[in-house]
Amino acid sequence: MIIAKKGSIEAARGAHGWTQKKLAEQSGVSAARICAIESKSGPMTPQTAKKICDAVGKPFEELFQTVAKTRA
């Protein structure tokens, strides 16, 4: 499962002077999804992570981490 590292997305978009809405426009990921990712509301697909990485020009390892799914 892929999750954002704490503060990484905010820092990356902040370096560009972008709001969540601007990152959404640049990445093709909805603003609601950007907000959810930043607030740790669950995992994302590799495709979503790639879109964000490409938009801000950062490598996957800098913004995201993969974690094992836990069983309930």
C-alpha atoms as a PDB file:
ATOM      1  CA  MET A   1       0.000   0.000   0.000  1.00  0.00           C
ATOM      2  CA  ILE A   2       1.329   3.456  -0.870  1.00  0.00           C
ATOM      3  CA  ILE A   3       1.014   6.390   1.506  1.00  0.00           C
ATOM      4  CA  ALA A   4       2.510   9.871   1.538  1.00  0.00           C
ATOM      5  CA  LYS A   5       5.356  10.618   3.924  1.00  0.00           C
ATOM      6  CA  LYS A   6       4.266  13.111   6.561  1.00  0.00           C
ATOM      7  CA  GLY A   7       4.425  16.661   5.209  1.00  0.00           C
ATOM      8  CA  SER A   8       6.059  15.638   1.929  1.00  0.00           C
ATOM      9  CA  ILE A   9       3.274  16.625  -0.462  1.00  0.00           C
ATOM     10  CA  GLU A  10       2.666  19.923   1.321  1.00  0.00           C
ATOM     11  CA  ALA A  11       6.387  20.741   1.188  1.00  0.00           C
ATOM     12  CA  ALA A  12       6.692  19.784  -2.482  1.00  0.00           C
ATOM     13  CA  ARG A  13       3.743  21.877  -3.587  1.00  0.00           C
ATOM     14  CA  GLY A  14       4.815  24.691  -1.244  1.00  0.00           C
ATOM     15  CA  ALA A  15       8.193  24.826  -2.980  1.00  0.00           C
ATOM     16  CA  HIS A  16       6.274  25.677  -6.151  1.00  0.00           C
ATOM     17  CA  GLY A  17       3.974  28.106  -4.336  1.00  0.00           C
ATOM     18  CA  TRP A  18       1.002  25.881  -5.193  1.00  0.00           C
ATOM     19  CA  THR A  19      -2.266  25.373  -3.397  1.00  0.00           C
ATOM     20  CA  GLN A  20      -3.914  21.965  -3.300  1.00  0.00           C
ATOM     21  CA  LYS A  21      -6.112  23.142  -6.173  1.00  0.00           C
ATOM     22  CA  LYS A  22      -3.085  24.096  -8.284  1.00  0.00           C
ATOM     23  CA  LEU A  23      -1.414  20.734  -7.610  1.00  0.00           C
ATOM     24  CA  ALA A  24      -4.660  19.057  -8.630  1.00  0.00           C
ATOM     25  CA  GLU A  25      -4.666  20.984 -11.912  1.00  0.00           C
ATOM     26  CA  GLN A  26      -1.006  20.217 -12.594  1.00  0.00           C
ATOM     27  CA  SER A  27      -1.251  16.513 -11.727  1.00  0.00           C
ATOM     28  CA  GLY A  28      -4.697  15.559 -12.952  1.00  0.00           C
ATOM     29  CA  VAL A  29      -5.598  14.279  -9.471  1.00  0.00           C
ATOM     30  CA  SER A  30      -8.726  15.796  -7.918  1.00  0.00           C
ATOM     31  CA  ALA A  31      -8.331  18.484  -5.273  1.00  0.00           C
ATOM     32  CA  ALA A  32     -10.413  16.360  -2.896  1.00  0.00           C
ATOM     33  CA  ARG A  33      -7.996  13.445  -3.394  1.00  0.00           C
ATOM     34  CA  ILE A  34      -4.962  15.711  -2.842  1.00  0.00           C
ATOM     35  CA  CYS A  35      -6.545  16.866   0.430  1.00  0.00           C
ATOM     36  CA  ALA A  36      -7.221  13.264   1.481  1.00  0.00           C
ATOM     37  CA  ILE A  37      -3.673  12.190   0.641  1.00  0.00           C
ATOM     38  CA  GLU A  38      -2.197  15.065   2.635  1.00  0.00           C
ATOM     39  CA  SER A  39      -4.395  14.245   5.629  1.00  0.00           C
ATOM     40  CA  LYS A  40      -3.510  10.521   5.482  1.00  0.00           C
ATOM     41  CA  SER A  41      -7.002   9.366   4.539  1.00  0.00           C
ATOM     42  CA  GLY A  42      -5.877   6.109   3.064  1.00  0.00           C
ATOM     43  CA  PRO A  43      -3.647   4.623   0.426  1.00  0.00           C
ATOM     44  CA  MET A  44      -3.395   5.492  -3.231  1.00  0.00           C
ATOM     45  CA  THR A  45      -2.647   3.756  -6.481  1.00  0.00           C
ATOM     46  CA  PRO A  46       0.809   3.798  -8.027  1.00  0.00           C
ATOM     47  CA  GLN A  47      -0.662   5.830 -10.898  1.00  0.00           C
ATOM     48  CA  THR A  48      -1.855   8.576  -8.548  1.00  0.00           C
ATOM     49  CA  ALA A  49       1.524   8.707  -6.805  1.00  0.00           C
ATOM     50  CA  LYS A  50       3.290   8.957 -10.179  1.00  0.00           C
ATOM     51  CA  LYS A  51       1.051  11.831 -11.312  1.00  0.00           C
ATOM     52  CA  ILE A  52       1.899  13.770  -8.167  1.00  0.00           C
ATOM     53  CA  CYS A  53       5.632  13.010  -8.448  1.00  0.00           C
ATOM     54  CA  ASP A  54       5.667  14.090 -12.085  1.00  0.00           C
ATOM     55  CA  ALA A  55       3.784  17.310 -11.319  1.00  0.00           C
ATOM     56  CA  VAL A  56       6.164  18.437  -8.559  1.00  0.00           C
ATOM     57  CA  GLY A  57       9.313  16.966 -10.100  1.00  0.00           C
ATOM     58  CA  LYS A  58      10.242  14.774  -7.145  1.00  0.00           C
ATOM     59  CA  PRO A  59      11.140  11.062  -7.008  1.00  0.00           C
ATOM     60  CA  PHE A  60       8.704   8.582  -5.481  1.00  0.00           C
ATOM     61  CA  GLU A  61      11.025   7.816  -2.558  1.00  0.00           C
ATOM     62  CA  GLU A  62      11.033  11.455  -1.470  1.00  0.00           C
ATOM     63  CA  LEU A  63       7.249  11.776  -1.268  1.00  0.00           C
ATOM     64  CA  PHE A  64       5.854   8.311  -0.618  1.00  0.00           C
ATOM     65  CA  GLN A  65       6.452   5.061   1.169  1.00  0.00           C
ATOM     66  CA  THR A  66       5.086   1.591   0.725  1.00  0.00           C
ATOM     67  CA  VAL A  67       3.779  -0.202   3.779  1.00  0.00           C
ATOM     68  CA  ALA A  68       2.426  -3.689   4.254  1.00  0.00           C
ATOM     69  CA  LYS A  69      -1.319  -4.043   4.565  1.00  0.00           C
ATOM     70  CA  THR A  70      -2.434  -5.148   7.996  1.00  0.00           C
ATOM     71  CA  ARG A  71      -5.160  -7.682   8.485  1.00  0.00           C
ATOM     72  CA  ALA A  72      -8.036  -6.922  10.789  1.00  0.00           C
END
